[in-house]
Every structure is written in structure tokens, then in C-alpha cells.
Amino acid sequence: MRPRGILAGLRIRKKLIVLHTSFSLTLAILLLLALRPALSKVITQGEQAQAALAIAAIRQADAGFPPARVDHPPDGRLVFRVAPPEQLGLTPAQVAVLRGPGQRLNLVGTREGAGVAEMLPDGSAVLARARNSAARSAVNLVYALLIVSLLAGYAFVALALEVLVLPRHVYGPIGAMLDADDAVRRGDRHAELVPESLIPADELGEIMRSRNQSITALRASERQLASALTRLEDSAADLRKKNHLLETARRNLEGADRLASLGMMSAGIAHELNTPLAVVKGLVDKLAEGQDLSATERALLARVVRRLEKLSEGLLDFARVRPPRLETAALRAVVEDAWTLIRLDRTLVSPTTKPEFVNRVPESLTLRCDADRLVQVFVNLVRNAMGVMRDAGVSPARVVVTAQTMVREGEDWIAVSVSDAGPGIPPEVIERLFEPFYSTRLDAEGTGLGLAVSQGIVREHGGVLIARNATEEDLGRDPSVAGAVFEILLPKDPAGLFGPTEDA
């Protein structure tokens, strides 16, 4: 906000001149107002005394008073009037005073001057007014000399300030500070600080020292910032170089990783095929020799063929990579569809086993997904949990599915947990749990592809599949499921992760 007022737009010198002049005139007026009543009273009393002496002199001379007479003494004039008191222009109160015991009345000054009125022996009254011009001129001279003295004194003080005090103690430091500010605007680092020799030991000097300290601190901050920027640029250049090296190494590793993955998968496929193929070869050789197969051997051949079919289906599911067909689906219904399919497996669900399945997914929770493929994920996870608890002898086998929404980086996500009451996941297994052909009791299919396929489907939806064991926090929510926990994190609408899709 800009300062306001009459003096706001004036420079310091003009402000001081205006203030000096205003103060001197104000003081002169106050002195005049203070002295005027006293001097006026002195003149009035003198003129009254002069009029009284004139009346006394005429009485002593017994010359008598004419009805009206005007005398002109050297220093003024005298006016006499003789008439009854009521005819002298007096007020009734003044007439009463005049007729009183003293028979004398003092009159204040008019244009004719101050005076007195006295009663005469014949009952009339004499009124005399005297005007002392010399005294009045002397008083006016006193007024004039007083004003001139005050103005001269303040003029002398102002001149002394302007010549001896202000240039050294005010104008000089302010000019030095303005020159330093101009040097800051020009970028002249050598002249931007006010020299210590020009800084006075007063409040203005404190302002100048504070300014110098601020400029010094600012320059130090600029140097630190410049140094930090230099280090940052060096780090950025080094980071770009390292990123280039990492990108080159990544491309090299991708090729090696593909070859290693192909080798691992080939070894796994060969391992999975060798045993059933050996059985088939033995049975085929027996048939080639003309021998019939027993019922046990025919059942064995059927089991081997079914295993090969499952292995083939698992490989197809694992290798099938395509964007999901997104549609809006109720997550609770997807989980219920998975449980409906699992209940058809009499090895897991039967009147004797009586497993417990609890679907705690809110009915109002929906998401955009490929519902058929997501059903397959829950089928694999719940079937694996049921199979592990069956093999571990856990009774009753219990699986609980829960879900909740969360916000990550401004996007809505759904966290689904599939928890069981089994023995949990051994620590040495967790790291390799989702590797293809790594079959454990956690993979009820026995092919080692169920969890790998589930992880692939979740990734196709832009999500993450995590395996862990139940924690104290999980047990605090539901102590009945203290085994393994599979967490699925899915975006509520993964459409932005893929190209255009069609609703199923």
C-alpha cells in the first residue's frame, strides 16, 4: 500500500522545510494568542489611569467640565462627556455601579479608548476616554519583533540543519544507500554494499547494516544454489550415462533372459512329458507285441492321457496373451461363479469333507474386467487352498474372500484377499511360487501352471498377484483363517492400460 498524506509525495528536504515553517508559524501564533490578553489589559489599565488623571486634574483646577470636549495630547487623545448617567450610553447595570458607593466606573476599550466615569456633585456624571496611541504602537512593535525573532531563529536553525547536519547524517547515507541499490540493479557486485565508513551510528545506520547483511546472505544463497545446480547437472549427466549403460545391459539381458526362459520352459515341458510318455511307450510296445492290456493298465493309460491333456490346456492358458474383453461386472458374482465351479469337484467338496467358503465381497462392488478369465483366477486360488487343506488334514477347510476399495496415485483400485485355514506357505517356496512347472501342494492341478496362469491373467488386467502368510493384523480381523493369503490388486477401470475394447 502506498503511503498517503500531504507530505507523502515530497522528498525529505522539502518535507523538512514544510515542517520547519509550519512549526515556526504555529509557535508564533500561539505566542501571540498567549500574550495578546495580557498586553491588551496593560493598555486598557493605562488608558483608564490616564482618563482618571485627566478628570482629577480638571477637578483640581476647578475649571468645570464642558458638555463635550476632545483633547489631543502628544501621545493620543481624550474625550470628555458630561450628562446624566442614563444619557452617557451606559447599560443599566453600569449606571447602578456608577451610582453606587464608589461613584466610579471603569470602562473597557473601544475605538475611542478605555476610560472611567464618575459622578459629579450636581448629580450628573462625567465620562472620560483616553486613547494612548504610543502604547498601542509599542505593543504592535512587540508583536512584530516577536514574530520576526521566531522566524529568524527557526530560519537559522533550518539553515544550520541543511548545511551542517542533514547533508552528513541524513542525505549522505541515503544517497550512499541509493547508489548501492542502483549497483544491485546494474549487477555490479563490487558496489552493491554500502561502505562501513559511510554508515552512521543511528537508526538509519541500522537499516543500512541490515540491508548489507541481507545482500550478503542473498549472494551466499545464490552461490550455494549455483553450486547445487552444478552438482545437479553433473549428476544428471552421470545419470544419463548410467541410464544408457543400463538400457544397453537391459537389452542384452532381455535376449539372454528369453533364451534362459525358453530353456527352463523346455526343460520343464520335457520333464513333465517324459514320465507319461515312458508309460505310454511301454504300453504301446506291449500292444505291438500282440499282448492285451489289463484293466489296471488301461486305467493307467487313461490317467496318463488326461494328465497330458491338462498339461496341454495349461500350456495354452499360460501362452495365451491377449487384452481382456472388459465389461462391468459385480465382483461378488464373479467369486460366486468360481465357487459354483469348484463345488462340482467331488474330490474337494463332498458331504464328508464339508468345506466352508465365505464370500465377504460387498454386493455393490463392481469393476471393469474380463469376468470369465477372472473367474479362472479365483477357481485356481480357491481350489489350491482347498486341496492344500485337504492334504494337510485341516477340518473344517475354510476359505474367506474379502475385498475393499483404495486410492493409489489418484486412481481407484480394488484389493481382494483369498485367505485359508491351512498350514501356510513355506518361506523357501514363496519366491518360486509363480514359476511355471514349479508344482507343490499349493498347486492342486499338479502341473505347476495354475498359479502362473492366474498371475498372467491378473497382469493382463493391469493388476498384481501377491502370496504371503497371514499376519497378526489378519488374525485380528478373522482368527479362523491363519494360513496362506493371496492378495489381488486390480484397477477398478483398467481401460486406460489397453487399447479400445468391446464389452462382452
Protein backbone atom coordinates (compact mmCIF):
# COMPACT_ATOMS: atom_id res chain seq x y z
CA MET A 1 0.00 0.00 0.00
CA ARG A 2 1.39 3.41 -0.97
CA PRO A 3 1.75 5.97 1.89
CA ARG A 4 -0.91 8.66 1.96
CA GLY A 5 -0.93 12.23 3.21
CA ILE A 6 0.03 15.74 2.23
CA LEU A 7 3.77 15.08 2.63
CA ALA A 8 3.78 11.59 1.10
CA GLY A 9 4.86 12.78 -2.35
CA LEU A 10 7.61 15.19 -1.15
CA ARG A 11 11.30 14.45 -0.82
CA ILE A 12 12.93 14.63 2.59
CA ARG A 13 14.39 18.15 2.17
CA LYS A 14 11.04 19.61 1.13
CA LYS A 15 9.31 17.78 3.96
CA LEU A 16 11.73 19.31 6.47
CA ILE A 17 11.24 22.82 5.04
CA VAL A 18 7.47 22.47 5.26
CA LEU A 19 7.68 21.10 8.80
CA HIS A 20 10.09 23.86 9.99
CA THR A 21 7.95 26.62 8.51
CA SER A 22 4.71 25.18 9.83
CA PHE A 23 6.16 24.72 13.31
CA SER A 24 7.59 28.26 13.49
CA LEU A 25 4.36 29.87 12.29
CA THR A 26 2.32 27.77 14.68
CA LEU A 27 4.55 28.73 17.61
CA ALA A 28 4.35 32.45 16.67
CA ILE A 29 0.56 32.30 16.51
CA LEU A 30 0.38 30.52 19.85
CA LEU A 31 2.66 33.13 21.48
CA LEU A 32 0.56 35.97 20.04
CA LEU A 33 -2.60 34.37 21.33
CA ALA A 34 -0.98 33.92 24.75
CA LEU A 35 0.48 37.46 25.05
CA ARG A 36 -2.37 39.45 23.49
CA PRO A 37 -4.77 39.34 26.51
CA ALA A 38 -2.04 40.45 28.93
CA LEU A 39 -0.79 43.32 26.72
CA SER A 40 -4.33 44.42 25.96
CA LYS A 41 -5.06 44.52 29.70
CA VAL A 42 -1.95 46.67 30.31
CA ILE A 43 -3.05 49.16 27.60
CA THR A 44 -6.60 49.26 28.97
CA GLN A 45 -5.42 49.90 32.52
CA GLY A 46 -3.04 52.60 31.29
CA GLU A 47 -5.74 54.39 29.33
CA GLN A 48 -8.13 54.13 32.30
CA ALA A 49 -5.45 55.63 34.56
CA GLN A 50 -4.83 58.41 32.03
CA ALA A 51 -8.57 59.24 31.88
CA ALA A 52 -8.84 59.23 35.69
CA LEU A 53 -5.84 61.60 35.98
CA ALA A 54 -7.40 63.94 33.43
CA ILE A 55 -10.67 64.08 35.44
CA ALA A 56 -8.72 64.65 38.63
CA ALA A 57 -6.68 67.45 37.04
CA ILE A 58 -9.80 69.30 35.84
CA ARG A 59 -11.40 68.98 39.27
CA GLN A 60 -8.32 70.40 40.96
CA ALA A 61 -8.21 73.27 38.51
CA ASP A 62 -11.91 73.83 39.21
CA ALA A 63 -12.26 74.63 35.54
CA GLY A 64 -15.52 72.79 35.18
CA PHE A 65 -16.47 70.17 32.66
CA PRO A 66 -17.94 71.20 29.34
CA PRO A 67 -20.78 69.04 27.99
CA ALA A 68 -18.38 67.59 25.39
CA ARG A 69 -14.73 68.12 24.77
CA VAL A 70 -11.91 66.43 22.88
CA ASP A 71 -8.26 67.00 23.78
CA HIS A 72 -5.30 65.83 21.73
CA PRO A 73 -2.29 65.23 23.93
CA PRO A 74 1.03 64.32 22.18
CA ASP A 75 0.57 60.54 22.62
CA GLY A 76 -3.17 60.27 21.76
CA ARG A 77 -6.47 61.96 22.59
CA LEU A 78 -9.01 62.48 25.41
CA VAL A 79 -12.79 62.57 25.08
CA PHE A 80 -14.97 64.14 27.85
CA ARG A 81 -18.74 63.95 28.12
CA VAL A 82 -20.95 65.40 30.92
CA ALA A 83 -24.57 64.31 31.19
CA PRO A 84 -26.89 62.38 33.43
CA PRO A 85 -25.66 58.79 33.73
CA GLU A 86 -28.59 57.45 31.77
CA GLN A 87 -27.61 59.57 28.75
CA LEU A 88 -23.94 58.51 28.54
CA GLY A 89 -24.71 55.28 26.65
CA LEU A 90 -24.20 53.10 29.70
CA THR A 91 -26.10 49.95 30.45
CA PRO A 92 -28.47 49.87 33.45
CA ALA A 93 -26.00 47.68 35.31
CA GLN A 94 -23.18 50.16 34.69
CA VAL A 95 -25.44 53.05 35.79
CA ALA A 96 -26.21 51.16 39.00
CA VAL A 97 -22.48 50.68 39.66
CA LEU A 98 -21.82 54.34 38.92
CA ARG A 99 -24.50 55.49 41.37
CA GLY A 100 -23.15 53.08 43.93
CA PRO A 101 -20.90 53.81 46.89
CA GLY A 102 -17.77 54.36 44.88
CA GLN A 103 -19.49 56.55 42.30
CA ARG A 104 -16.84 55.45 39.77
CA LEU A 105 -16.92 53.04 36.84
CA ASN A 106 -14.01 51.69 34.78
CA LEU A 107 -14.82 51.30 31.08
CA VAL A 108 -13.14 48.86 28.71
CA GLY A 109 -11.55 49.97 25.47
CA THR A 110 -13.45 50.93 22.32
CA ARG A 111 -12.34 52.81 19.24
CA GLU A 112 -12.09 55.91 21.47
CA GLY A 113 -10.03 54.01 24.03
CA ALA A 114 -10.59 52.90 27.61
CA GLY A 115 -11.79 55.26 30.30
CA VAL A 116 -13.65 55.97 33.51
CA ALA A 117 -16.98 57.54 34.55
CA GLU A 118 -17.51 59.49 37.82
CA MET A 119 -20.50 61.15 39.48
CA LEU A 120 -20.45 64.93 39.91
CA PRO A 121 -21.88 66.83 42.88
CA ASP A 122 -24.80 68.16 40.82
CA GLY A 123 -26.00 64.60 40.11
CA SER A 124 -24.65 64.46 36.60
CA ALA A 125 -21.75 62.22 35.52
CA VAL A 126 -18.53 62.81 33.59
CA LEU A 127 -17.24 60.15 31.18
CA ALA A 128 -13.62 60.37 30.02
CA ARG A 129 -11.96 58.03 27.48
CA ALA A 130 -8.26 58.12 26.65
CA ARG A 131 -6.56 56.51 23.65
CA ASN A 132 -2.81 56.07 24.08
CA SER A 133 -1.51 55.67 20.54
CA ALA A 134 2.11 55.40 21.62
CA ALA A 135 1.40 52.45 23.89
CA ARG A 136 -0.64 50.70 21.23
CA SER A 137 2.18 51.24 18.70
CA ALA A 138 4.68 49.82 21.16
CA VAL A 139 2.58 46.71 21.65
CA ASN A 140 2.27 46.19 17.91
CA LEU A 141 6.05 46.62 17.64
CA VAL A 142 6.46 43.91 20.28
CA TYR A 143 4.24 41.61 18.23
CA ALA A 144 6.25 42.29 15.09
CA LEU A 145 9.60 41.82 16.80
CA LEU A 146 8.38 38.57 18.37
CA ILE A 147 7.29 37.13 15.02
CA VAL A 148 10.46 38.25 13.28
CA SER A 149 12.62 36.83 16.05
CA LEU A 150 10.88 33.47 15.91
CA LEU A 151 11.07 33.25 12.14
CA ALA A 152 14.69 34.34 12.14
CA GLY A 153 15.56 31.82 14.82
CA TYR A 154 13.92 28.95 13.03
CA ALA A 155 15.39 30.07 9.72
CA PHE A 156 18.81 29.98 11.34
CA VAL A 157 18.14 26.53 12.81
CA ALA A 158 16.84 25.22 9.46
CA LEU A 159 19.85 26.65 7.65
CA ALA A 160 22.23 25.10 10.16
CA LEU A 161 20.49 21.74 9.74
CA GLU A 162 20.55 21.96 5.95
CA VAL A 163 24.21 22.99 5.82
CA LEU A 164 25.85 21.24 8.77
CA VAL A 165 23.72 18.30 9.97
CA LEU A 166 21.42 16.84 7.32
CA PRO A 167 23.92 16.51 4.43
CA ARG A 168 26.29 14.44 6.58
CA HIS A 169 23.88 12.46 8.74
CA VAL A 170 20.79 12.06 6.51
CA TYR A 171 21.23 13.00 2.86
CA GLY A 172 24.68 11.45 2.58
CA PRO A 173 23.77 7.99 3.98
CA ILE A 174 20.53 7.91 1.97
CA GLY A 175 22.43 8.79 -1.19
CA ALA A 176 25.00 6.06 -0.47
CA MET A 177 22.20 3.52 0.00
CA LEU A 178 20.52 4.61 -3.25
CA ASP A 179 23.82 4.26 -5.11
CA ALA A 180 24.24 0.76 -3.69
CA ASP A 181 20.70 -0.18 -4.77
CA ASP A 182 21.46 1.13 -8.25
CA ALA A 183 24.56 -1.08 -8.29
CA VAL A 184 22.37 -4.08 -7.41
CA ARG A 185 20.11 -3.32 -10.38
CA ARG A 186 23.14 -2.98 -12.67
CA GLY A 187 24.60 -6.23 -11.39
CA ASP A 188 27.73 -4.52 -10.05
CA ARG A 189 28.70 -6.86 -7.22
CA HIS A 190 31.62 -4.65 -6.12
CA ALA A 191 29.46 -1.59 -5.36
CA GLU A 192 26.25 -3.19 -4.05
CA LEU A 193 27.27 -2.92 -0.37
CA VAL A 194 27.36 0.41 1.47
CA PRO A 195 30.90 1.04 2.79
CA GLU A 196 31.14 0.82 6.57
CA SER A 197 32.76 4.29 6.67
CA LEU A 198 29.54 5.82 5.30
CA ILE A 199 27.21 4.12 7.78
CA PRO A 200 26.21 6.38 10.72
CA ALA A 201 25.73 5.11 14.27
CA ASP A 202 21.98 5.73 14.41
CA GLU A 203 18.71 4.12 13.28
CA LEU A 204 19.49 4.91 9.64
CA GLY A 205 22.81 3.12 10.09
CA GLU A 206 21.00 0.06 11.48
CA ILE A 207 18.83 -0.01 8.35
CA MET A 208 21.92 0.21 6.14
CA ARG A 209 23.71 -2.57 8.03
CA SER A 210 20.60 -4.75 7.84
CA ARG A 211 20.47 -4.15 4.08
CA ASN A 212 24.14 -5.12 3.71
CA GLN A 213 23.56 -8.29 5.71
CA SER A 214 20.54 -9.19 3.56
CA ILE A 215 22.51 -8.66 0.34
CA THR A 216 25.41 -10.73 1.70
CA ALA A 217 23.09 -13.57 2.74
CA LEU A 218 21.36 -13.44 -0.65
CA ARG A 219 24.65 -13.70 -2.51
CA ALA A 220 25.71 -16.62 -0.30
CA SER A 221 22.43 -18.38 -1.08
CA GLU A 222 22.95 -17.72 -4.79
CA ARG A 223 26.43 -19.23 -4.62
CA GLN A 224 25.10 -22.28 -2.80
CA LEU A 225 22.31 -22.61 -5.35
CA ALA A 226 24.74 -22.28 -8.24
CA SER A 227 26.97 -24.92 -6.67
CA ALA A 228 23.96 -27.20 -6.15
CA LEU A 229 22.86 -26.68 -9.76
CA THR A 230 26.35 -27.52 -10.96
CA ARG A 231 26.35 -30.71 -8.91
CA LEU A 232 22.87 -31.50 -10.17
CA GLU A 233 23.92 -31.04 -13.78
CA ASP A 234 26.95 -33.26 -13.20
CA SER A 235 24.72 -35.86 -11.53
CA ALA A 236 22.20 -35.63 -14.37
CA ALA A 237 24.95 -36.12 -16.95
CA ASP A 238 26.30 -39.06 -14.98
CA LEU A 239 22.78 -40.45 -14.60
CA ARG A 240 22.16 -40.17 -18.35
CA LYS A 241 25.39 -42.04 -18.96
CA LYS A 242 24.46 -44.75 -16.47
CA ASN A 243 20.94 -44.99 -17.90
CA HIS A 244 22.45 -45.51 -21.33
CA LEU A 245 24.64 -48.27 -19.94
CA LEU A 246 21.69 -49.82 -18.09
CA GLU A 247 19.50 -49.68 -21.19
CA THR A 248 22.22 -51.39 -23.18
CA ALA A 249 22.60 -54.01 -20.46
CA ARG A 250 18.82 -54.44 -20.28
CA ARG A 251 18.56 -55.11 -23.99
CA ASN A 252 21.36 -57.62 -23.70
CA LEU A 253 19.71 -59.24 -20.69
CA GLU A 254 16.34 -59.44 -22.43
CA GLY A 255 17.83 -61.65 -25.10
CA ALA A 256 19.61 -63.78 -22.53
CA ASP A 257 16.50 -63.92 -20.34
CA ARG A 258 14.36 -65.07 -23.26
CA LEU A 259 16.85 -67.80 -24.02
CA ALA A 260 17.06 -68.80 -20.34
CA SER A 261 13.25 -68.79 -20.01
CA LEU A 262 12.93 -70.84 -23.15
CA GLY A 263 15.50 -73.27 -21.78
CA MET A 264 13.72 -73.50 -18.42
CA MET A 265 10.34 -74.00 -20.07
CA SER A 266 11.73 -76.57 -22.46
CA ALA A 267 13.32 -78.44 -19.58
CA GLY A 268 10.08 -78.28 -17.61
CA ILE A 269 7.99 -79.46 -20.55
CA ALA A 270 10.45 -82.27 -21.23
CA HIS A 271 10.39 -83.28 -17.57
CA GLU A 272 6.58 -83.24 -17.46
CA LEU A 273 6.28 -85.22 -20.71
CA ASN A 274 8.99 -87.81 -20.13
CA THR A 275 7.21 -89.77 -17.39
CA PRO A 276 3.78 -90.07 -19.07
CA LEU A 277 5.39 -90.72 -22.46
CA ALA A 278 7.50 -93.52 -20.98
CA VAL A 279 4.32 -95.11 -19.64
CA VAL A 280 2.58 -94.72 -23.00
CA LYS A 281 5.63 -96.13 -24.84
CA GLY A 282 5.71 -99.17 -22.57
CA LEU A 283 2.04 -99.87 -23.10
CA VAL A 284 2.33 -99.30 -26.86
CA ASP A 285 5.27 -101.73 -27.03
CA LYS A 286 3.18 -104.30 -25.20
CA LEU A 287 0.35 -103.82 -27.69
CA ALA A 288 2.85 -104.07 -30.57
CA GLU A 289 3.89 -107.48 -29.26
CA GLY A 290 0.27 -108.58 -29.53
CA GLN A 291 -0.42 -108.61 -25.82
CA ASP A 292 -3.64 -107.28 -24.37
CA LEU A 293 -3.73 -104.59 -21.68
CA SER A 294 -5.15 -105.38 -18.31
CA ALA A 295 -7.85 -103.24 -16.70
CA THR A 296 -5.22 -101.64 -14.47
CA GLU A 297 -3.02 -100.82 -17.44
CA ARG A 298 -5.96 -99.38 -19.39
CA ALA A 299 -6.89 -97.17 -16.39
CA LEU A 300 -3.24 -96.09 -16.16
CA LEU A 301 -3.21 -95.18 -19.85
CA ALA A 302 -6.40 -93.11 -19.40
CA ARG A 303 -4.90 -91.22 -16.44
CA VAL A 304 -1.72 -90.52 -18.41
CA VAL A 305 -3.73 -89.20 -21.35
CA ARG A 306 -5.78 -86.95 -19.03
CA ARG A 307 -2.58 -85.62 -17.50
CA LEU A 308 -1.20 -84.86 -20.94
CA GLU A 309 -4.46 -83.07 -21.81
CA LYS A 310 -4.29 -80.97 -18.65
CA LEU A 311 -0.66 -80.17 -19.39
CA SER A 312 -1.62 -79.10 -22.90
CA GLU A 313 -4.50 -76.93 -21.64
CA GLY A 314 -2.24 -75.35 -19.03
CA LEU A 315 0.40 -74.55 -21.65
CA LEU A 316 -2.23 -72.95 -23.86
CA ASP A 317 -3.57 -70.84 -20.98
CA PHE A 318 -0.06 -69.83 -19.99
CA ALA A 319 0.94 -68.89 -23.53
CA ARG A 320 -2.33 -67.10 -24.37
CA VAL A 321 -1.64 -63.36 -24.04
CA ARG A 322 -4.39 -61.01 -25.22
CA PRO A 323 -6.01 -57.87 -23.87
CA PRO A 324 -9.03 -58.79 -21.76
CA ARG A 325 -12.53 -58.03 -23.02
CA LEU A 326 -13.64 -55.51 -20.45
CA GLU A 327 -17.15 -55.32 -19.11
CA THR A 328 -18.70 -54.02 -15.93
CA ALA A 329 -19.15 -56.92 -13.53
CA ALA A 330 -20.07 -57.40 -9.89
CA LEU A 331 -17.03 -58.85 -8.12
CA ARG A 332 -19.14 -60.81 -5.64
CA ALA A 333 -20.90 -62.60 -8.55
CA VAL A 334 -17.51 -63.44 -10.12
CA VAL A 335 -16.37 -65.05 -6.85
CA GLU A 336 -19.66 -66.96 -6.53
CA ASP A 337 -19.30 -68.31 -10.11
CA ALA A 338 -15.82 -69.60 -9.19
CA TRP A 339 -17.18 -71.37 -6.09
CA THR A 340 -20.01 -72.89 -8.14
CA LEU A 341 -17.44 -74.49 -10.46
CA ILE A 342 -15.31 -75.73 -7.55
CA ARG A 343 -18.29 -77.40 -5.86
CA LEU A 344 -18.57 -79.71 -8.90
CA ASP A 345 -15.19 -81.25 -7.96
CA ARG A 346 -16.17 -84.09 -5.62
CA THR A 347 -12.55 -84.61 -4.57
CA LEU A 348 -12.66 -81.24 -2.86
CA VAL A 349 -16.31 -80.72 -1.97
CA SER A 350 -18.33 -83.68 -0.71
CA PRO A 351 -20.70 -84.49 2.16
CA THR A 352 -17.76 -85.95 4.08
CA THR A 353 -15.33 -83.01 3.68
CA LYS A 354 -17.86 -80.17 4.17
CA PRO A 355 -15.52 -77.24 3.42
CA GLU A 356 -16.55 -73.72 4.40
CA PHE A 357 -16.49 -70.95 1.81
CA VAL A 358 -17.23 -67.35 2.96
CA ASN A 359 -17.75 -64.65 0.37
CA ARG A 360 -17.48 -61.26 2.09
CA VAL A 361 -17.17 -59.19 -1.06
CA PRO A 362 -19.65 -56.26 -0.90
CA GLU A 363 -22.54 -56.67 -3.33
CA SER A 364 -22.21 -53.08 -4.53
CA LEU A 365 -18.55 -53.50 -5.56
CA THR A 366 -18.15 -53.50 -9.35
CA LEU A 367 -15.20 -53.22 -11.72
CA ARG A 368 -14.35 -53.37 -15.40
CA CYS A 369 -12.83 -56.77 -16.16
CA ASP A 370 -12.91 -59.90 -18.31
CA ALA A 371 -15.25 -61.79 -15.98
CA ASP A 372 -14.65 -65.25 -17.50
CA ARG A 373 -10.89 -65.04 -17.12
CA LEU A 374 -11.15 -63.53 -13.64
CA VAL A 375 -13.37 -66.49 -12.62
CA GLN A 376 -10.49 -68.75 -13.64
CA VAL A 377 -8.16 -66.87 -11.25
CA PHE A 378 -10.47 -67.40 -8.26
CA VAL A 379 -11.07 -71.02 -9.28
CA ASN A 380 -7.30 -71.67 -9.22
CA LEU A 381 -6.75 -69.85 -5.90
CA VAL A 382 -9.71 -71.38 -4.03
CA ARG A 383 -9.11 -74.89 -5.48
CA ASN A 384 -5.44 -74.72 -4.47
CA ALA A 385 -6.39 -73.64 -0.95
CA MET A 386 -8.97 -76.43 -0.61
CA GLY A 387 -6.51 -79.01 -1.92
CA VAL A 388 -3.74 -77.94 0.47
CA MET A 389 -6.07 -78.05 3.48
CA ARG A 390 -7.40 -81.46 2.37
CA ASP A 391 -3.87 -82.87 2.11
CA ALA A 392 -2.90 -81.31 5.47
CA GLY A 393 -5.94 -82.82 7.17
CA VAL A 394 -7.41 -79.45 8.14
CA SER A 395 -11.05 -79.78 9.17
CA PRO A 396 -13.13 -77.93 8.51
CA ALA A 397 -11.38 -76.49 5.46
CA ARG A 398 -12.22 -72.77 5.42
CA VAL A 399 -11.63 -70.13 2.72
CA VAL A 400 -12.63 -66.46 3.16
CA VAL A 401 -12.70 -63.95 0.32
CA THR A 402 -12.77 -60.24 1.23
CA ALA A 403 -12.47 -57.06 -0.85
CA GLN A 404 -12.14 -53.34 -0.30
CA THR A 405 -11.51 -50.24 -2.41
CA MET A 406 -8.49 -47.97 -2.15
CA VAL A 407 -6.98 -44.99 -3.95
CA ARG A 408 -3.47 -45.20 -5.40
CA GLU A 409 -1.96 -42.21 -7.24
CA GLY A 410 -5.40 -40.74 -7.78
CA GLU A 411 -6.90 -43.94 -9.27
CA ASP A 412 -9.49 -46.28 -7.74
CA TRP A 413 -8.24 -49.83 -7.03
CA ILE A 414 -9.76 -52.97 -5.54
CA ALA A 415 -7.85 -55.18 -3.11
CA VAL A 416 -9.13 -58.79 -2.93
CA SER A 417 -7.82 -61.27 -0.35
CA VAL A 418 -8.25 -65.06 -0.54
CA SER A 419 -7.36 -66.46 2.92
CA ASP A 420 -7.40 -70.08 4.10
CA ALA A 421 -7.01 -72.01 7.34
CA GLY A 422 -4.19 -74.21 6.05
CA PRO A 423 -0.59 -74.58 7.21
CA GLY A 424 0.64 -71.54 5.26
CA ILE A 425 3.37 -71.23 2.64
CA PRO A 426 6.90 -72.38 3.45
CA PRO A 427 9.40 -69.50 3.15
CA GLU A 428 11.54 -71.35 0.61
CA VAL A 429 8.52 -71.82 -1.65
CA ILE A 430 7.20 -68.22 -1.78
CA GLU A 431 9.97 -66.94 -4.07
CA ARG A 432 9.31 -69.62 -6.74
CA LEU A 433 5.58 -70.00 -6.23
CA PHE A 434 4.56 -68.38 -9.54
CA GLU A 435 7.24 -70.04 -11.69
CA PRO A 436 5.87 -72.32 -14.46
CA PHE A 437 6.13 -76.07 -13.73
CA TYR A 438 7.08 -75.44 -10.11
CA SER A 439 4.48 -77.83 -8.67
CA THR A 440 3.84 -78.02 -4.92
CA ARG A 441 0.89 -78.90 -2.73
CA LEU A 442 -0.23 -75.28 -3.32
CA ASP A 443 -0.92 -76.19 -6.96
CA ALA A 444 -3.87 -78.56 -6.85
CA GLU A 445 -3.64 -79.23 -10.58
CA GLY A 446 -0.21 -80.79 -10.14
CA THR A 447 1.03 -79.25 -13.42
CA GLY A 448 2.84 -76.26 -11.89
CA LEU A 449 0.92 -73.89 -14.20
CA GLY A 450 -2.20 -72.92 -12.20
CA LEU A 451 -0.65 -70.04 -10.23
CA ALA A 452 1.45 -68.91 -13.20
CA VAL A 453 -1.69 -68.72 -15.35
CA SER A 454 -3.53 -66.80 -12.59
CA GLN A 455 -0.68 -64.32 -12.31
CA GLY A 456 -0.74 -63.81 -16.08
CA ILE A 457 -4.50 -63.08 -16.09
CA VAL A 458 -4.14 -60.57 -13.24
CA ARG A 459 -1.31 -58.85 -15.09
CA GLU A 460 -3.45 -58.66 -18.21
CA HIS A 461 -5.90 -56.64 -16.11
CA GLY A 462 -3.10 -54.29 -15.01
CA GLY A 463 -3.03 -55.76 -11.52
CA VAL A 464 -0.72 -57.61 -9.16
CA LEU A 465 -0.99 -61.06 -7.50
CA ILE A 466 0.88 -61.45 -4.20
CA ALA A 467 1.29 -64.51 -1.98
CA ARG A 468 2.10 -64.34 1.75
CA ASN A 469 1.21 -65.87 5.09
CA ALA A 470 -1.38 -64.43 7.49
CA THR A 471 -0.12 -61.66 9.79
CA GLU A 472 -1.19 -60.53 13.27
CA GLU A 473 -3.35 -57.87 11.62
CA ASP A 474 -5.09 -60.54 9.53
CA LEU A 475 -5.67 -62.72 12.59
CA GLY A 476 -7.09 -59.71 14.42
CA ARG A 477 -9.75 -59.40 11.73
CA ASP A 478 -10.51 -63.14 11.41
CA PRO A 479 -8.56 -65.66 13.54
CA SER A 480 -10.20 -68.60 11.74
CA VAL A 481 -8.01 -68.14 8.62
CA ALA A 482 -4.42 -68.30 9.79
CA GLY A 483 -2.82 -69.90 6.74
CA ALA A 484 -1.89 -68.53 3.31
CA VAL A 485 -3.18 -65.22 1.93
CA PHE A 486 -3.31 -64.44 -1.78
CA GLU A 487 -3.87 -60.72 -2.48
CA ILE A 488 -5.08 -59.45 -5.84
CA LEU A 489 -4.76 -55.72 -6.58
CA LEU A 490 -6.85 -54.67 -9.57
CA PRO A 491 -7.58 -51.24 -11.07
CA LYS A 492 -11.29 -50.55 -10.91
CA ASP A 493 -11.24 -49.47 -14.57
CA PRO A 494 -8.15 -50.73 -16.44
CA ALA A 495 -9.38 -49.37 -19.80
CA GLY A 496 -6.57 -46.80 -19.87
CA LEU A 497 -3.99 -49.60 -19.81
CA PHE A 498 -5.17 -51.11 -23.10
CA GLY A 499 -6.45 -50.05 -26.45
CA PRO A 500 -10.16 -49.93 -27.34
CA THR A 501 -12.07 -52.95 -26.07
CA GLU A 502 -15.55 -54.21 -26.66
CA ASP A 503 -17.98 -55.08 -23.91
CA ALA A 504 -18.77 -58.75 -23.73
